[in-house]
Amino acid sequence: MRKSSLKDFEKLRKDLEKYQEWPSDYIFKFIIDNNHNKREELLSKFDLTLCRLSTKESSNKKYISITLIKHMMNPKQVIDKYIEVSKIDGIISL
């Protein structure tokens, strides 16, 4: 993982601790190539029975945005999930 990514995650952790109460529902947003394998790879990282899921294709249908709302216990769980999905090639986390 790039050094700047670790720095970004540390900033996110501090912001989550400061501005959000825990446990809390957290909104994860991602953009990936609009193909079945990429979508399934991302969704496999979440227990979908515990998430609210919405998707939206880009106007040219090349990309898909995926929003998952999941109850998280603390900022560490959020950061751990972002680190886990960051291993997916081409994913953009918002």
N, C-alpha and C. Protein backbone atom coordinates (compact mmCIF):
# COMPACT_ATOMS: atom_id res chain seq x y z
N MET A 1 0.84 -1.17 0.00
CA MET A 1 0.00 0.00 0.00
C MET A 1 0.88 1.24 0.00
N ARG A 2 0.48 2.22 -0.76
CA ARG A 2 1.25 3.46 -0.84
C ARG A 2 1.26 4.16 0.50
N LYS A 3 2.35 4.85 0.77
CA LYS A 3 2.48 5.58 2.02
C LYS A 3 1.39 6.63 2.17
N SER A 4 1.06 7.32 1.06
CA SER A 4 0.02 8.33 1.13
C SER A 4 -1.33 7.72 1.50
N SER A 5 -1.57 6.47 1.08
CA SER A 5 -2.82 5.81 1.43
C SER A 5 -2.92 5.60 2.93
N LEU A 6 -1.82 5.19 3.55
CA LEU A 6 -1.83 5.01 5.01
C LEU A 6 -2.09 6.34 5.70
N LYS A 7 -1.52 7.40 5.17
CA LYS A 7 -1.74 8.74 5.73
C LYS A 7 -3.21 9.14 5.58
N ASP A 8 -3.79 8.83 4.42
CA ASP A 8 -5.20 9.13 4.18
C ASP A 8 -6.10 8.36 5.14
N PHE A 9 -5.77 7.09 5.36
CA PHE A 9 -6.57 6.28 6.28
C PHE A 9 -6.47 6.81 7.71
N GLU A 10 -5.31 7.28 8.10
CA GLU A 10 -5.13 7.85 9.44
C GLU A 10 -5.97 9.12 9.59
N LYS A 11 -6.00 9.95 8.55
CA LYS A 11 -6.83 11.16 8.60
C LYS A 11 -8.31 10.78 8.69
N LEU A 12 -8.71 9.79 7.90
CA LEU A 12 -10.10 9.34 7.95
C LEU A 12 -10.44 8.82 9.35
N ARG A 13 -9.56 8.03 9.93
CA ARG A 13 -9.81 7.50 11.28
C ARG A 13 -10.02 8.64 12.27
N LYS A 14 -9.18 9.65 12.23
CA LYS A 14 -9.31 10.79 13.14
C LYS A 14 -10.62 11.53 12.92
N ASP A 15 -10.98 11.73 11.64
CA ASP A 15 -12.24 12.41 11.34
C ASP A 15 -13.44 11.60 11.82
N LEU A 16 -13.40 10.28 11.62
CA LEU A 16 -14.50 9.44 12.07
C LEU A 16 -14.64 9.46 13.59
N GLU A 17 -13.53 9.47 14.28
CA GLU A 17 -13.57 9.55 15.75
C GLU A 17 -14.12 10.89 16.22
N LYS A 18 -13.78 11.94 15.51
CA LYS A 18 -14.16 13.29 15.93
C LYS A 18 -15.61 13.64 15.59
N TYR A 19 -16.06 13.23 14.39
CA TYR A 19 -17.34 13.73 13.88
C TYR A 19 -18.48 12.73 13.89
N GLN A 20 -18.23 11.49 14.28
CA GLN A 20 -19.29 10.49 14.22
C GLN A 20 -19.35 9.73 15.54
N GLU A 21 -20.56 9.41 15.95
CA GLU A 21 -20.73 8.59 17.16
C GLU A 21 -20.72 7.12 16.76
N TRP A 22 -20.18 6.29 17.66
CA TRP A 22 -20.05 4.86 17.38
C TRP A 22 -20.70 4.06 18.48
N PRO A 23 -21.31 2.92 18.13
CA PRO A 23 -21.48 2.35 16.79
C PRO A 23 -22.43 3.19 15.95
N SER A 24 -22.33 3.01 14.62
CA SER A 24 -23.09 3.85 13.71
C SER A 24 -23.22 3.18 12.35
N ASP A 25 -24.26 3.57 11.61
CA ASP A 25 -24.35 3.15 10.21
C ASP A 25 -23.33 3.97 9.43
N TYR A 26 -22.62 3.30 8.53
CA TYR A 26 -21.61 3.98 7.73
C TYR A 26 -21.91 3.75 6.26
N ILE A 27 -21.77 4.79 5.46
CA ILE A 27 -22.04 4.70 4.02
C ILE A 27 -20.72 4.50 3.28
N PHE A 28 -20.59 3.35 2.64
CA PHE A 28 -19.45 3.06 1.77
C PHE A 28 -19.89 3.33 0.33
N LYS A 29 -19.06 4.07 -0.42
CA LYS A 29 -19.35 4.32 -1.83
C LYS A 29 -18.14 3.95 -2.66
N PHE A 30 -18.40 3.22 -3.74
CA PHE A 30 -17.33 2.76 -4.62
C PHE A 30 -17.74 2.94 -6.07
N ILE A 31 -16.75 3.11 -6.93
CA ILE A 31 -16.96 3.11 -8.37
C ILE A 31 -16.02 2.05 -8.94
N ILE A 32 -16.59 1.18 -9.78
CA ILE A 32 -15.79 0.13 -10.42
C ILE A 32 -16.24 -0.02 -11.88
N ASP A 33 -15.42 -0.74 -12.66
CA ASP A 33 -15.84 -1.09 -14.02
C ASP A 33 -17.15 -1.86 -13.93
N ASN A 34 -18.01 -1.61 -14.87
CA ASN A 34 -19.33 -2.26 -14.88
C ASN A 34 -19.23 -3.63 -15.52
N ASN A 35 -18.63 -4.56 -14.78
CA ASN A 35 -18.66 -5.95 -15.24
C ASN A 35 -18.97 -6.84 -14.05
N HIS A 36 -19.56 -7.95 -14.35
CA HIS A 36 -20.08 -8.85 -13.32
C HIS A 36 -19.00 -9.30 -12.33
N ASN A 37 -17.82 -9.64 -12.84
CA ASN A 37 -16.76 -10.15 -11.96
C ASN A 37 -16.31 -9.10 -10.95
N LYS A 38 -16.13 -7.86 -11.40
CA LYS A 38 -15.70 -6.80 -10.49
C LYS A 38 -16.77 -6.54 -9.42
N ARG A 39 -18.00 -6.51 -9.86
CA ARG A 39 -19.09 -6.27 -8.92
C ARG A 39 -19.14 -7.38 -7.87
N GLU A 40 -19.07 -8.63 -8.31
CA GLU A 40 -19.12 -9.74 -7.38
C GLU A 40 -17.91 -9.76 -6.44
N GLU A 41 -16.75 -9.38 -6.96
CA GLU A 41 -15.56 -9.32 -6.12
C GLU A 41 -15.75 -8.32 -4.99
N LEU A 42 -16.28 -7.15 -5.32
CA LEU A 42 -16.54 -6.14 -4.29
C LEU A 42 -17.61 -6.60 -3.31
N LEU A 43 -18.72 -7.07 -3.82
CA LEU A 43 -19.82 -7.45 -2.94
C LEU A 43 -19.47 -8.63 -2.04
N SER A 44 -18.54 -9.46 -2.47
CA SER A 44 -18.14 -10.60 -1.65
C SER A 44 -17.41 -10.16 -0.37
N LYS A 45 -16.98 -8.92 -0.33
CA LYS A 45 -16.27 -8.40 0.85
C LYS A 45 -17.23 -7.94 1.96
N PHE A 46 -18.53 -7.98 1.67
CA PHE A 46 -19.55 -7.53 2.62
C PHE A 46 -20.57 -8.64 2.84
N ASP A 47 -21.10 -8.72 4.05
CA ASP A 47 -22.22 -9.61 4.33
C ASP A 47 -23.48 -8.85 3.91
N LEU A 48 -23.99 -9.17 2.75
CA LEU A 48 -25.10 -8.39 2.19
C LEU A 48 -26.40 -8.54 2.97
N THR A 49 -26.48 -9.54 3.83
CA THR A 49 -27.67 -9.65 4.67
C THR A 49 -27.68 -8.57 5.75
N LEU A 50 -26.52 -7.93 5.96
CA LEU A 50 -26.40 -6.89 6.99
C LEU A 50 -26.22 -5.50 6.39
N CYS A 51 -26.39 -5.37 5.08
CA CYS A 51 -26.16 -4.09 4.39
C CYS A 51 -27.39 -3.68 3.61
N ARG A 52 -27.50 -2.38 3.42
CA ARG A 52 -28.42 -1.84 2.42
C ARG A 52 -27.58 -1.52 1.20
N LEU A 53 -28.02 -1.96 0.05
CA LEU A 53 -27.24 -1.87 -1.18
C LEU A 53 -28.01 -1.10 -2.24
N SER A 54 -27.30 -0.20 -2.92
CA SER A 54 -27.87 0.45 -4.10
C SER A 54 -26.77 0.59 -5.15
N THR A 55 -27.17 0.53 -6.40
CA THR A 55 -26.22 0.64 -7.50
C THR A 55 -26.76 1.61 -8.54
N LYS A 56 -25.83 2.19 -9.31
CA LYS A 56 -26.22 3.08 -10.40
C LYS A 56 -25.16 3.01 -11.48
N GLU A 57 -25.60 2.77 -12.71
CA GLU A 57 -24.68 2.73 -13.84
C GLU A 57 -24.39 4.15 -14.32
N SER A 58 -23.18 4.36 -14.85
CA SER A 58 -22.86 5.64 -15.47
C SER A 58 -23.66 5.77 -16.76
N SER A 59 -23.74 6.98 -17.28
CA SER A 59 -24.56 7.22 -18.47
C SER A 59 -24.09 6.39 -19.67
N ASN A 60 -22.79 6.13 -19.76
CA ASN A 60 -22.30 5.31 -20.87
C ASN A 60 -22.21 3.82 -20.51
N LYS A 61 -22.65 3.50 -19.29
CA LYS A 61 -22.71 2.12 -18.78
C LYS A 61 -21.33 1.47 -18.63
N LYS A 62 -20.26 2.26 -18.66
CA LYS A 62 -18.91 1.71 -18.52
C LYS A 62 -18.56 1.46 -17.05
N TYR A 63 -19.14 2.26 -16.15
CA TYR A 63 -18.85 2.15 -14.72
C TYR A 63 -20.14 1.96 -13.94
N ILE A 64 -19.98 1.48 -12.72
CA ILE A 64 -21.12 1.36 -11.82
C ILE A 64 -20.71 1.89 -10.46
N SER A 65 -21.61 2.67 -9.86
CA SER A 65 -21.36 3.10 -8.48
C SER A 65 -22.15 2.19 -7.56
N ILE A 66 -21.51 1.81 -6.49
CA ILE A 66 -22.13 0.90 -5.52
C ILE A 66 -22.09 1.58 -4.16
N THR A 67 -23.23 1.69 -3.53
CA THR A 67 -23.35 2.26 -2.20
C THR A 67 -23.84 1.16 -1.26
N LEU A 68 -23.11 0.99 -0.18
CA LEU A 68 -23.48 0.01 0.85
C LEU A 68 -23.56 0.74 2.18
N ILE A 69 -24.63 0.56 2.89
CA ILE A 69 -24.77 1.12 4.23
C ILE A 69 -24.72 -0.04 5.20
N LYS A 70 -23.76 0.03 6.11
CA LYS A 70 -23.54 -1.07 7.04
C LYS A 70 -23.32 -0.52 8.44
N HIS A 71 -23.86 -1.21 9.41
CA HIS A 71 -23.65 -0.83 10.81
C HIS A 71 -22.24 -1.24 11.22
N MET A 72 -21.47 -0.27 11.66
CA MET A 72 -20.08 -0.51 12.04
C MET A 72 -19.91 -0.14 13.51
N MET A 73 -19.03 -0.87 14.18
CA MET A 73 -18.85 -0.67 15.62
C MET A 73 -17.89 0.48 15.95
N ASN A 74 -16.92 0.73 15.06
CA ASN A 74 -15.91 1.75 15.37
C ASN A 74 -15.16 2.12 14.09
N PRO A 75 -14.36 3.20 14.14
CA PRO A 75 -13.61 3.62 12.96
C PRO A 75 -12.64 2.56 12.44
N LYS A 76 -12.08 1.75 13.32
CA LYS A 76 -11.14 0.71 12.89
C LYS A 76 -11.82 -0.26 11.93
N GLN A 77 -13.06 -0.62 12.20
CA GLN A 77 -13.78 -1.52 11.30
C GLN A 77 -13.94 -0.89 9.92
N VAL A 78 -14.22 0.40 9.89
CA VAL A 78 -14.38 1.12 8.62
C VAL A 78 -13.06 1.09 7.84
N ILE A 79 -11.98 1.46 8.50
CA ILE A 79 -10.66 1.50 7.86
C ILE A 79 -10.26 0.11 7.38
N ASP A 80 -10.49 -0.90 8.21
CA ASP A 80 -10.15 -2.28 7.81
C ASP A 80 -10.90 -2.69 6.55
N LYS A 81 -12.17 -2.29 6.44
CA LYS A 81 -12.95 -2.62 5.25
C LYS A 81 -12.41 -1.90 4.03
N TYR A 82 -12.05 -0.62 4.17
CA TYR A 82 -11.46 0.11 3.05
C TYR A 82 -10.14 -0.52 2.61
N ILE A 83 -9.33 -0.95 3.55
CA ILE A 83 -8.06 -1.60 3.21
C ILE A 83 -8.33 -2.91 2.47
N GLU A 84 -9.32 -3.66 2.93
CA GLU A 84 -9.65 -4.93 2.29
C GLU A 84 -10.10 -4.73 0.84
N VAL A 85 -10.97 -3.77 0.59
CA VAL A 85 -11.47 -3.57 -0.78
C VAL A 85 -10.47 -2.84 -1.65
N SER A 86 -9.50 -2.16 -1.06
CA SER A 86 -8.50 -1.43 -1.86
C SER A 86 -7.64 -2.39 -2.68
N LYS A 87 -7.68 -3.66 -2.37
CA LYS A 87 -6.91 -4.66 -3.11
C LYS A 87 -7.56 -5.03 -4.44
N ILE A 88 -8.78 -4.58 -4.65
CA ILE A 88 -9.50 -4.84 -5.90
C ILE A 88 -8.97 -3.89 -6.96
N ASP A 89 -8.48 -4.45 -8.05
CA ASP A 89 -7.88 -3.66 -9.11
C ASP A 89 -8.90 -2.69 -9.72
N GLY A 90 -8.54 -1.42 -9.78
CA GLY A 90 -9.37 -0.42 -10.46
C GLY A 90 -10.47 0.18 -9.61
N ILE A 91 -10.60 -0.19 -8.35
CA ILE A 91 -11.69 0.34 -7.52
C ILE A 91 -11.38 1.78 -7.11
N ILE A 92 -12.42 2.59 -7.07
CA ILE A 92 -12.32 3.95 -6.55
C ILE A 92 -13.23 4.01 -5.33
N SER A 93 -12.65 4.38 -4.19
CA SER A 93 -13.42 4.52 -2.95
C SER A 93 -13.70 6.00 -2.75
N LEU A 94 -14.96 6.32 -2.48
CA LEU A 94 -15.33 7.73 -2.25
C LEU A 94 -15.56 8.00 -0.79
